[in-house]
Amino acid sequence: MSPVRRPEHGNDQGRGRGTGHRPGDGGGRGSGHRAGHSAGLRHVLTHLVTPLLMCIGMGLAYLGAFANPAPHHLPVAVVGQGRSAQLLAQSINDKAGGDLEVRTIADRATAIELLRHQDIFGAYVLPGQATGQGTTGGTEAVPELVVATAGSDTSASVVQKIFTPVAAQQGAPLKVTDVAPTAEDDPTGQGIFFLLVAISIGSYASVAVIGGAGAVLPIRLRGMLAIGTSFVVGVIGALFAGPVFHLVDHGLWGLWGMAWLYSAGILLIGTGLHTFLKRWTTLGVMALFVMLNFTSSGGIFRPEMQNGFFAALHAFWNGAGFVEGTRSHVYFDGYGLTGHVWTLVLWLVVGVLAVGAAALAEKRRRAAEAAVAAGAAAVAAAAVAATVPERAPVAGSEGGCDSAGGSEREGRRGAASGGVSGAVAAGDAAGGARDVEDEDAEEEMEEAVGV
């Protein structure tokens, strides 16, 4: 029976040993999986910060700018002479409580001139006043509201809502005259705003590609890529505005020039910021050129219809420069165009300065990396030198010399091994850092495309 039992006992021991090892192995694999899942979860949670911040930023910006539009010192005029015009203007001012700035104008021609300069956004012509281009001409038996919808369709609508009850109190229908209509295929005039959106997305999404995939390129070449990309984006914008959607019926070359200036400013600023912000660049350019830009551009609501913060940004932000510059160029005979073009040029200059700052930072970074590499090379060279054999020992002292030489050679081999190991470790660390940068660059491009 013992020959039978021994194998069973041995098998039991083997099974016991297997049972004893399997939990350890399974536990090791389980802990490894848990550690991997934990690291992956931390990685995902870290990257979720970006879209959550985008959500908060977009909500604050868009709802803050567009949720409750209301006139704030919106300039309008009452056209007429005599006490009746002054009393009407004063009455409207009192009822508005600061929402409107009502002035009186003697004739309709002056009112039209102010509308074309966007100094006012509506002129209410009293019945019986001159309706020609000057103070002479025919008279109109009904009140007339003169607007310029090309300046802002929403502002013109607000003005119409204000003066329609005034005309009703006078017992007459309100006649509305548009002295600066928009293009036939852009009846609301908001096509320029959505053109701004398209150009902006093409520009700031390209920043992620140039900064991420082009990180191995020198900053000068990345800057040239940014300029070239902005040229293409400007051409695409001009094609959308002209042949494709007919948002404008003239002035296409001027629109392309402003589109190029606008896009180049975004691309250069983003390319410069990428050196400092890395994977946070997408969030940064979204804050600058979406959250604060679209909301202050005046493409949907002019600053007179927004709160003070976005109205203040409208005075110098690049999106406002493009929208108002395009309106001025296409619809208002170039009035005020120079100031809007200078706004775009100043943002382009900021972009050039950002690229210059990035070039200096990268130069210093390369110098520091070169110093580290030189130190590692020196250590490796010293380790190799330690392995060079020495001259043969003098006769008569072979034993002592052999013993000492052997010890010394072993020490040198150890030093060489340590030096090479350190160099290999430094190389592995550098490779790991490059892998992390590549992963961050890829994730950044994915985030930009997703946005």
Protein backbone atom coordinates (compact mmCIF):
# COMPACT_ATOMS: atom_id res chain seq x y z
CA MET A 1 0.00 0.00 0.00
CA SER A 2 2.92 2.26 0.67
CA PRO A 3 3.94 2.35 -2.99
CA VAL A 4 0.44 3.49 -3.73
CA ARG A 5 0.21 5.96 -0.91
CA ARG A 6 3.54 7.61 -1.60
CA PRO A 7 2.54 8.90 -4.99
CA GLU A 8 -0.76 10.08 -3.50
CA HIS A 9 1.16 11.78 -0.69
CA GLY A 10 3.56 13.25 -3.18
CA ASN A 11 0.67 14.39 -5.34
CA ASP A 12 -0.97 15.87 -2.31
CA GLN A 13 2.23 17.74 -1.54
CA GLY A 14 2.47 18.79 -5.16
CA ARG A 15 -1.11 19.94 -5.10
CA GLY A 16 -0.43 21.63 -1.80
CA ARG A 17 2.55 23.36 -3.25
CA GLY A 18 0.55 24.29 -6.32
CA THR A 19 -2.24 25.50 -4.13
CA GLY A 20 0.22 27.40 -2.05
CA HIS A 21 1.75 29.07 -5.11
CA ARG A 22 -1.39 29.79 -7.05
CA PRO A 23 -2.90 32.19 -4.51
CA GLY A 24 0.37 34.08 -4.45
CA ASP A 25 0.55 34.23 -8.19
CA GLY A 26 -3.12 35.18 -8.50
CA GLY A 27 -2.70 37.79 -5.80
CA GLY A 28 0.30 39.24 -7.61
CA ARG A 29 -1.57 39.43 -10.86
CA GLY A 30 -4.64 40.83 -9.10
CA SER A 31 -2.64 43.53 -7.35
CA GLY A 32 -0.91 44.32 -10.65
CA HIS A 33 -4.26 44.69 -12.38
CA ARG A 34 -5.56 46.83 -9.54
CA ALA A 35 -2.48 49.03 -9.70
CA GLY A 36 -2.87 49.35 -13.46
CA HIS A 37 -6.57 50.20 -13.12
CA SER A 38 -5.80 52.73 -10.41
CA ALA A 39 -3.16 54.43 -12.57
CA GLY A 40 -5.51 54.40 -15.56
CA LEU A 41 -8.34 55.86 -13.49
CA ARG A 42 -6.11 58.65 -12.22
CA HIS A 43 -5.05 59.35 -15.81
CA VAL A 44 -8.66 59.59 -17.00
CA LEU A 45 -9.76 61.73 -14.05
CA THR A 46 -6.85 64.10 -14.64
CA HIS A 47 -7.86 64.55 -18.27
CA LEU A 48 -11.52 65.00 -17.36
CA VAL A 49 -10.54 68.27 -15.68
CA THR A 50 -10.20 69.90 -19.10
CA PRO A 51 -13.73 69.24 -20.44
CA LEU A 52 -15.25 70.08 -17.07
CA LEU A 53 -13.45 73.42 -17.03
CA MET A 54 -14.62 73.96 -20.60
CA CYS A 55 -18.19 73.28 -19.49
CA ILE A 56 -17.93 75.79 -16.66
CA GLY A 57 -16.23 78.40 -18.84
CA MET A 58 -18.66 78.08 -21.72
CA GLY A 59 -21.64 78.25 -19.39
CA LEU A 60 -20.37 81.35 -17.63
CA ALA A 61 -19.40 83.06 -20.88
CA TYR A 62 -22.39 82.28 -23.09
CA LEU A 63 -25.10 82.56 -20.47
CA GLY A 64 -23.47 85.65 -19.00
CA ALA A 65 -23.35 87.32 -22.40
CA PHE A 66 -26.50 86.08 -24.16
CA ALA A 67 -29.01 84.88 -21.55
CA ASN A 68 -30.61 88.22 -20.72
CA PRO A 69 -29.92 90.81 -23.42
CA ALA A 70 -31.21 94.26 -22.62
CA PRO A 71 -30.35 97.74 -23.88
CA HIS A 72 -27.75 99.66 -21.91
CA HIS A 73 -27.58 103.30 -23.00
CA LEU A 74 -28.62 102.33 -26.54
CA PRO A 75 -28.39 105.51 -28.65
CA VAL A 76 -31.51 106.44 -30.66
CA ALA A 77 -32.95 109.69 -32.00
CA VAL A 78 -36.21 111.55 -32.50
CA VAL A 79 -36.24 113.51 -35.74
CA GLY A 80 -38.24 116.71 -35.63
CA GLN A 81 -38.16 120.37 -34.85
CA GLY A 82 -39.97 122.23 -32.16
CA ARG A 83 -41.13 121.49 -28.67
CA SER A 84 -43.07 118.31 -29.56
CA ALA A 85 -39.89 116.47 -30.60
CA GLN A 86 -38.07 117.53 -27.42
CA LEU A 87 -40.96 116.49 -25.18
CA LEU A 88 -41.20 113.09 -26.87
CA ALA A 89 -37.46 112.48 -26.52
CA GLN A 90 -37.55 113.47 -22.85
CA SER A 91 -40.56 111.26 -22.18
CA ILE A 92 -38.89 108.20 -23.76
CA ASN A 93 -35.69 108.86 -21.80
CA ASP A 94 -37.58 109.07 -18.53
CA LYS A 95 -39.47 105.84 -19.15
CA ALA A 96 -36.33 103.98 -20.27
CA GLY A 97 -34.52 104.70 -17.01
CA GLY A 98 -31.05 104.72 -18.55
CA ASP A 99 -31.62 101.90 -21.03
CA LEU A 100 -31.78 104.40 -23.89
CA GLU A 101 -29.98 107.59 -24.83
CA VAL A 102 -32.50 109.61 -26.83
CA ARG A 103 -31.45 112.73 -28.67
CA THR A 104 -33.30 115.07 -31.01
CA ILE A 105 -32.16 115.64 -34.59
CA ALA A 106 -33.43 118.40 -36.82
CA ASP A 107 -33.65 116.49 -40.12
CA ARG A 108 -33.77 113.01 -41.57
CA ALA A 109 -30.55 113.36 -43.59
CA THR A 110 -28.51 113.90 -40.43
CA ALA A 111 -30.17 110.90 -38.85
CA ILE A 112 -29.23 108.71 -41.81
CA GLU A 113 -25.64 109.89 -41.60
CA LEU A 114 -25.50 109.01 -37.90
CA LEU A 115 -26.99 105.59 -38.63
CA ARG A 116 -24.35 104.87 -41.28
CA HIS A 117 -21.66 105.82 -38.79
CA GLN A 118 -23.38 103.62 -36.17
CA ASP A 119 -23.60 106.54 -33.77
CA ILE A 120 -27.31 105.77 -33.36
CA PHE A 121 -29.28 102.58 -34.06
CA GLY A 122 -32.69 104.00 -34.81
CA ALA A 123 -34.29 107.33 -35.72
CA TYR A 124 -37.98 108.01 -35.15
CA VAL A 125 -39.22 110.58 -37.67
CA LEU A 126 -42.32 112.42 -36.48
CA PRO A 127 -45.28 112.71 -38.87
CA GLY A 128 -45.16 115.73 -41.14
CA GLN A 129 -41.34 115.95 -41.07
CA ALA A 130 -39.25 115.94 -44.23
CA THR A 131 -38.71 112.44 -45.66
CA GLY A 132 -36.15 113.31 -48.30
CA GLN A 133 -32.41 113.19 -47.94
CA GLY A 134 -32.38 116.77 -46.69
CA THR A 135 -34.72 119.13 -44.94
CA THR A 136 -36.56 119.70 -48.16
CA GLY A 137 -38.76 117.24 -49.95
CA GLY A 138 -42.05 115.55 -49.36
CA THR A 139 -43.63 114.95 -46.02
CA GLU A 140 -44.94 111.72 -44.53
CA ALA A 141 -48.30 111.59 -42.80
CA VAL A 142 -47.29 108.58 -40.68
CA PRO A 143 -44.36 108.20 -38.32
CA GLU A 144 -41.27 106.52 -39.74
CA LEU A 145 -38.54 104.51 -38.05
CA VAL A 146 -35.19 104.55 -39.87
CA VAL A 147 -32.78 101.72 -39.00
CA ALA A 148 -29.60 100.07 -40.35
CA THR A 149 -29.95 96.31 -39.93
CA ALA A 150 -26.44 95.68 -41.28
CA GLY A 151 -25.09 97.18 -38.07
CA SER A 152 -27.09 94.76 -35.93
CA ASP A 153 -30.37 93.07 -36.70
CA THR A 154 -31.08 92.49 -33.01
CA SER A 155 -30.53 96.16 -32.17
CA ALA A 156 -32.84 97.20 -35.01
CA SER A 157 -35.50 94.80 -33.70
CA VAL A 158 -35.20 96.22 -30.18
CA VAL A 159 -35.55 99.78 -31.50
CA GLN A 160 -38.61 98.77 -33.47
CA LYS A 161 -40.21 97.29 -30.35
CA ILE A 162 -39.53 100.54 -28.50
CA PHE A 163 -41.07 102.89 -31.07
CA THR A 164 -44.00 100.78 -32.26
CA PRO A 165 -46.04 101.63 -29.11
CA VAL A 166 -45.06 105.29 -29.53
CA ALA A 167 -46.54 105.31 -33.02
CA ALA A 168 -49.63 103.49 -31.76
CA GLN A 169 -50.20 106.23 -29.20
CA GLN A 170 -50.19 108.71 -32.06
CA GLY A 171 -52.86 106.66 -33.80
CA ALA A 172 -50.81 105.76 -36.88
CA PRO A 173 -49.01 102.69 -38.18
CA LEU A 174 -45.21 102.72 -38.01
CA LYS A 175 -43.32 102.75 -41.29
CA VAL A 176 -39.86 101.09 -41.06
CA THR A 177 -37.09 102.06 -43.50
CA ASP A 178 -33.77 100.22 -43.67
CA VAL A 179 -30.98 102.45 -44.99
CA ALA A 180 -28.26 99.77 -44.68
CA PRO A 181 -29.73 96.37 -45.51
CA THR A 182 -27.69 93.19 -45.39
CA ALA A 183 -26.90 90.91 -48.32
CA GLU A 184 -29.86 89.08 -49.82
CA ASP A 185 -28.57 85.66 -48.70
CA ASP A 186 -27.83 86.87 -45.16
CA PRO A 187 -31.06 88.56 -44.08
CA THR A 188 -30.20 88.73 -40.37
CA GLY A 189 -26.59 89.79 -40.89
CA GLN A 190 -25.44 87.09 -38.48
CA GLY A 191 -23.69 85.11 -41.20
CA ILE A 192 -20.57 87.16 -40.45
CA PHE A 193 -20.64 85.90 -36.87
CA PHE A 194 -20.87 82.27 -37.94
CA LEU A 195 -18.07 82.90 -40.41
CA LEU A 196 -16.07 84.11 -37.41
CA VAL A 197 -16.86 80.81 -35.65
CA ALA A 198 -15.64 78.74 -38.63
CA ILE A 199 -12.39 80.69 -38.97
CA SER A 200 -11.78 80.53 -35.22
CA ILE A 201 -12.24 76.76 -35.03
CA GLY A 202 -9.95 76.20 -38.00
CA SER A 203 -7.33 78.38 -36.33
CA TYR A 204 -7.28 77.17 -32.75
CA ALA A 205 -7.69 73.49 -33.70
CA SER A 206 -4.62 73.87 -35.91
CA VAL A 207 -2.71 75.13 -32.87
CA ALA A 208 -3.00 71.69 -31.25
CA VAL A 209 -1.67 69.99 -34.37
CA ILE A 210 1.24 72.39 -34.88
CA GLY A 211 2.15 72.37 -31.19
CA GLY A 212 1.60 68.64 -30.65
CA ALA A 213 2.63 66.83 -33.82
CA GLY A 214 5.13 69.58 -34.64
CA ALA A 215 6.74 69.69 -31.20
CA VAL A 216 9.94 68.17 -32.64
CA LEU A 217 10.25 71.06 -35.11
CA PRO A 218 12.09 74.28 -34.25
CA ILE A 219 9.90 77.16 -33.16
CA ARG A 220 10.77 79.18 -36.25
CA LEU A 221 9.42 76.46 -38.52
CA ARG A 222 6.30 76.12 -36.37
CA GLY A 223 5.75 79.85 -36.68
CA MET A 224 6.02 79.60 -40.46
CA LEU A 225 3.51 76.74 -40.41
CA ALA A 226 1.16 78.95 -38.38
CA ILE A 227 1.42 81.77 -40.93
CA GLY A 228 0.85 79.36 -43.82
CA THR A 229 -2.11 77.74 -42.10
CA SER A 230 -3.69 81.11 -41.42
CA PHE A 231 -3.37 81.93 -45.13
CA VAL A 232 -5.31 78.77 -46.00
CA VAL A 233 -7.92 79.40 -43.29
CA GLY A 234 -8.42 82.93 -44.62
CA VAL A 235 -8.96 81.60 -48.14
CA ILE A 236 -11.51 79.08 -46.85
CA GLY A 237 -13.31 81.86 -44.98
CA ALA A 238 -13.41 84.05 -48.10
CA LEU A 239 -14.80 81.16 -50.14
CA PHE A 240 -17.54 80.60 -47.57
CA ALA A 241 -18.40 84.31 -47.49
CA GLY A 242 -18.45 84.73 -51.24
CA PRO A 243 -18.97 81.94 -53.77
CA VAL A 244 -20.36 79.32 -51.37
CA PHE A 245 -22.92 81.12 -49.17
CA HIS A 246 -22.97 84.66 -50.64
CA LEU A 247 -22.79 86.35 -47.25
CA VAL A 248 -21.29 89.40 -48.94
CA ASP A 249 -21.76 90.63 -52.49
CA HIS A 250 -18.59 92.76 -52.71
CA GLY A 251 -15.37 93.52 -50.87
CA LEU A 252 -14.23 89.88 -50.82
CA TRP A 253 -10.50 90.68 -50.96
CA GLY A 254 -10.74 92.97 -47.97
CA LEU A 255 -12.66 90.30 -46.07
CA TRP A 256 -9.93 87.76 -46.87
CA GLY A 257 -7.26 90.15 -45.60
CA MET A 258 -9.04 90.60 -42.28
CA ALA A 259 -9.68 86.85 -42.04
CA TRP A 260 -5.96 86.21 -42.53
CA LEU A 261 -4.97 88.78 -39.90
CA TYR A 262 -7.48 87.33 -37.46
CA SER A 263 -6.44 83.71 -38.04
CA ALA A 264 -2.71 84.50 -37.96
CA GLY A 265 -3.07 86.22 -34.60
CA ILE A 266 -4.81 83.18 -33.10
CA LEU A 267 -2.34 80.68 -34.56
CA LEU A 268 0.76 82.60 -33.51
CA ILE A 269 -0.54 83.23 -29.99
CA GLY A 270 -1.52 79.58 -29.63
CA THR A 271 1.80 78.34 -31.02
CA GLY A 272 3.68 80.52 -28.56
CA LEU A 273 1.50 79.51 -25.62
CA HIS A 274 1.93 75.81 -26.40
CA THR A 275 5.55 75.94 -25.23
CA PHE A 276 4.38 76.96 -21.77
CA LEU A 277 0.91 75.39 -21.43
CA LYS A 278 1.48 72.05 -23.24
CA ARG A 279 -1.70 69.95 -23.01
CA TRP A 280 -3.58 72.87 -21.42
CA THR A 281 -3.16 74.92 -24.60
CA THR A 282 -6.54 73.84 -26.00
CA LEU A 283 -8.28 75.11 -22.88
CA GLY A 284 -6.28 78.32 -22.99
CA VAL A 285 -7.06 79.17 -26.60
CA MET A 286 -10.71 78.23 -26.06
CA ALA A 287 -10.91 80.70 -23.19
CA LEU A 288 -9.29 83.44 -25.28
CA PHE A 289 -10.86 82.83 -28.67
CA VAL A 290 -14.20 81.19 -27.90
CA MET A 291 -15.46 82.01 -24.41
CA LEU A 292 -14.37 85.64 -24.35
CA ASN A 293 -14.19 86.14 -28.10
CA PHE A 294 -17.51 85.00 -29.56
CA THR A 295 -19.44 86.56 -26.70
CA SER A 296 -17.86 90.00 -27.12
CA SER A 297 -17.69 90.07 -30.93
CA GLY A 298 -21.01 91.87 -31.42
CA GLY A 299 -22.07 89.27 -33.97
CA ILE A 300 -25.29 88.39 -32.11
CA PHE A 301 -25.76 91.30 -29.69
CA ARG A 302 -23.90 94.55 -29.89
CA PRO A 303 -22.18 95.85 -26.73
CA GLU A 304 -25.11 98.21 -26.11
CA MET A 305 -27.22 95.09 -25.52
CA GLN A 306 -24.77 93.40 -23.13
CA ASN A 307 -23.43 93.89 -19.63
CA GLY A 308 -20.41 96.06 -18.95
CA PHE A 309 -17.83 93.25 -18.95
CA PHE A 310 -18.48 92.00 -22.47
CA ALA A 311 -19.16 95.52 -23.71
CA ALA A 312 -15.67 96.50 -22.51
CA LEU A 313 -14.07 93.51 -24.25
CA HIS A 314 -15.77 94.52 -27.50
CA ALA A 315 -13.59 97.61 -27.64
CA PHE A 316 -10.32 95.70 -28.20
CA TRP A 317 -10.91 91.95 -28.67
CA ASN A 318 -9.92 90.43 -32.00
CA GLY A 319 -13.30 88.83 -32.79
CA ALA A 320 -14.96 92.24 -32.51
CA GLY A 321 -12.26 93.65 -34.77
CA PHE A 322 -13.10 91.09 -37.46
CA VAL A 323 -16.90 91.35 -37.21
CA GLU A 324 -17.08 95.13 -37.01
CA GLY A 325 -14.32 95.51 -39.60
CA THR A 326 -16.23 93.30 -42.05
CA ARG A 327 -19.46 95.23 -41.45
CA SER A 328 -17.69 98.53 -41.94
CA HIS A 329 -15.96 97.33 -45.10
CA VAL A 330 -19.01 95.74 -46.72
CA TYR A 331 -21.98 97.82 -45.53
CA PHE A 332 -20.81 101.20 -44.22
CA ASP A 333 -18.38 102.44 -46.88
CA GLY A 334 -15.31 101.72 -44.76
CA TYR A 335 -16.26 104.07 -41.93
CA GLY A 336 -14.22 103.10 -38.84
CA LEU A 337 -12.41 100.34 -40.77
CA THR A 338 -8.93 101.59 -39.90
CA GLY A 339 -9.46 101.19 -36.17
CA HIS A 340 -10.77 97.64 -36.56
CA VAL A 341 -7.84 96.63 -38.78
CA TRP A 342 -5.42 98.03 -36.21
CA THR A 343 -7.10 95.87 -33.57
CA LEU A 344 -6.34 92.79 -35.67
CA VAL A 345 -2.78 93.95 -36.31
CA LEU A 346 -2.13 94.45 -32.59
CA TRP A 347 -3.29 90.88 -31.87
CA LEU A 348 -0.95 89.69 -34.61
CA VAL A 349 1.91 91.56 -32.92
CA VAL A 350 1.00 89.87 -29.63
CA GLY A 351 1.26 86.55 -31.45
CA VAL A 352 4.72 87.40 -32.79
CA LEU A 353 5.84 88.34 -29.26
CA ALA A 354 4.42 85.07 -27.90
CA VAL A 355 6.40 83.06 -30.46
CA GLY A 356 9.52 85.07 -29.57
CA ALA A 357 9.06 84.33 -25.88
CA ALA A 358 8.57 80.65 -26.69
CA ALA A 359 11.78 80.64 -28.73
CA LEU A 360 13.76 82.05 -25.77
CA ALA A 361 12.21 79.54 -23.37
CA GLU A 362 12.97 76.61 -25.67
CA LYS A 363 16.54 77.83 -26.17
CA ARG A 364 17.10 77.83 -22.43
CA ARG A 365 15.47 74.44 -22.11
CA ARG A 366 17.75 73.01 -24.80
CA ALA A 367 20.79 74.47 -23.06
CA ALA A 368 19.78 72.81 -19.79
CA GLU A 369 19.20 69.48 -21.53
CA ALA A 370 22.56 69.76 -23.27
CA ALA A 371 24.26 70.34 -19.92
CA VAL A 372 22.59 67.23 -18.48
CA ALA A 373 23.58 65.20 -21.54
CA ALA A 374 27.16 66.45 -21.30
CA GLY A 375 27.29 65.39 -17.65
CA ALA A 376 26.00 61.93 -18.52
CA ALA A 377 28.53 61.65 -21.35
CA ALA A 378 31.33 62.62 -18.97
CA VAL A 379 30.27 59.91 -16.52
CA ALA A 380 30.14 57.34 -19.32
CA ALA A 381 33.59 58.42 -20.59
CA ALA A 382 35.08 58.11 -17.11
CA ALA A 383 33.55 54.66 -16.77
CA VAL A 384 35.06 53.54 -20.08
CA ALA A 385 38.45 54.97 -19.15
CA ALA A 386 38.37 52.97 -15.94
CA THR A 387 38.32 49.73 -17.95
CA VAL A 388 41.56 50.46 -19.89
CA PRO A 389 44.25 47.87 -18.88
CA GLU A 390 47.43 49.13 -17.16
CA ARG A 391 51.05 48.25 -17.91
CA ALA A 392 52.39 44.86 -16.77
CA PRO A 393 53.71 44.72 -13.16
CA VAL A 394 57.46 44.73 -12.37
CA ALA A 395 59.09 41.32 -11.91
CA GLY A 396 59.63 40.19 -8.36
CA SER A 397 56.41 41.62 -7.08
CA GLU A 398 54.01 39.63 -9.16
CA GLY A 399 51.98 38.28 -6.30
CA GLY A 400 51.35 41.60 -4.64
CA CYS A 401 50.82 43.42 -7.89
CA ASP A 402 48.51 40.75 -9.23
CA SER A 403 46.45 40.95 -6.10
CA ALA A 404 46.35 44.75 -6.09
CA GLY A 405 45.85 44.95 -9.86
CA GLY A 406 43.02 42.46 -9.69
CA SER A 407 41.32 44.44 -6.99
CA GLU A 408 41.83 47.64 -8.93
CA ARG A 409 40.55 46.11 -12.14
CA GLU A 410 37.47 44.77 -10.35
CA GLY A 411 36.84 48.22 -8.91
CA ARG A 412 37.15 49.79 -12.36
CA ARG A 413 34.81 47.23 -13.85
CA GLY A 414 32.33 48.03 -11.10
CA ALA A 415 32.69 51.74 -11.76
CA ALA A 416 32.29 51.18 -15.47
CA SER A 417 29.22 49.05 -14.89
CA GLY A 418 27.75 51.72 -12.64
CA GLY A 419 28.52 54.47 -15.13
CA VAL A 420 26.99 52.57 -18.04
CA SER A 421 23.97 51.66 -15.93
CA GLY A 422 23.54 55.32 -15.00
CA ALA A 423 23.79 56.34 -18.65
CA VAL A 424 21.28 53.66 -19.64
CA ALA A 425 18.94 54.79 -16.86
CA ALA A 426 19.25 58.40 -18.00
CA GLY A 427 18.47 57.30 -21.55
CA ASP A 428 15.46 55.32 -20.36
CA ALA A 429 14.23 58.29 -18.36
CA ALA A 430 14.62 60.57 -21.37
CA GLY A 431 12.81 58.05 -23.55
CA GLY A 432 10.02 57.78 -20.99
CA ALA A 433 9.69 61.56 -20.89
CA ARG A 434 9.46 61.63 -24.68
CA ASP A 435 6.80 58.93 -24.60
CA VAL A 436 4.79 60.96 -22.06
CA GLU A 437 5.13 64.08 -24.23
CA ASP A 438 3.99 62.11 -27.29
CA GLU A 439 0.97 60.78 -25.39
CA ASP A 440 0.10 64.26 -24.13
CA ALA A 441 0.42 65.67 -27.65
CA GLU A 442 -1.86 62.99 -29.07
CA GLU A 443 -4.43 63.49 -26.32
CA GLU A 444 -4.31 67.24 -26.81
CA MET A 445 -5.05 66.88 -30.52
CA GLU A 446 -7.91 64.50 -29.73
CA GLU A 447 -9.35 67.01 -27.25
CA ALA A 448 -9.09 69.83 -29.78
CA VAL A 449 -10.76 67.79 -32.51
CA GLY A 450 -13.46 66.70 -30.06
CA VAL A 451 -14.17 70.32 -29.15
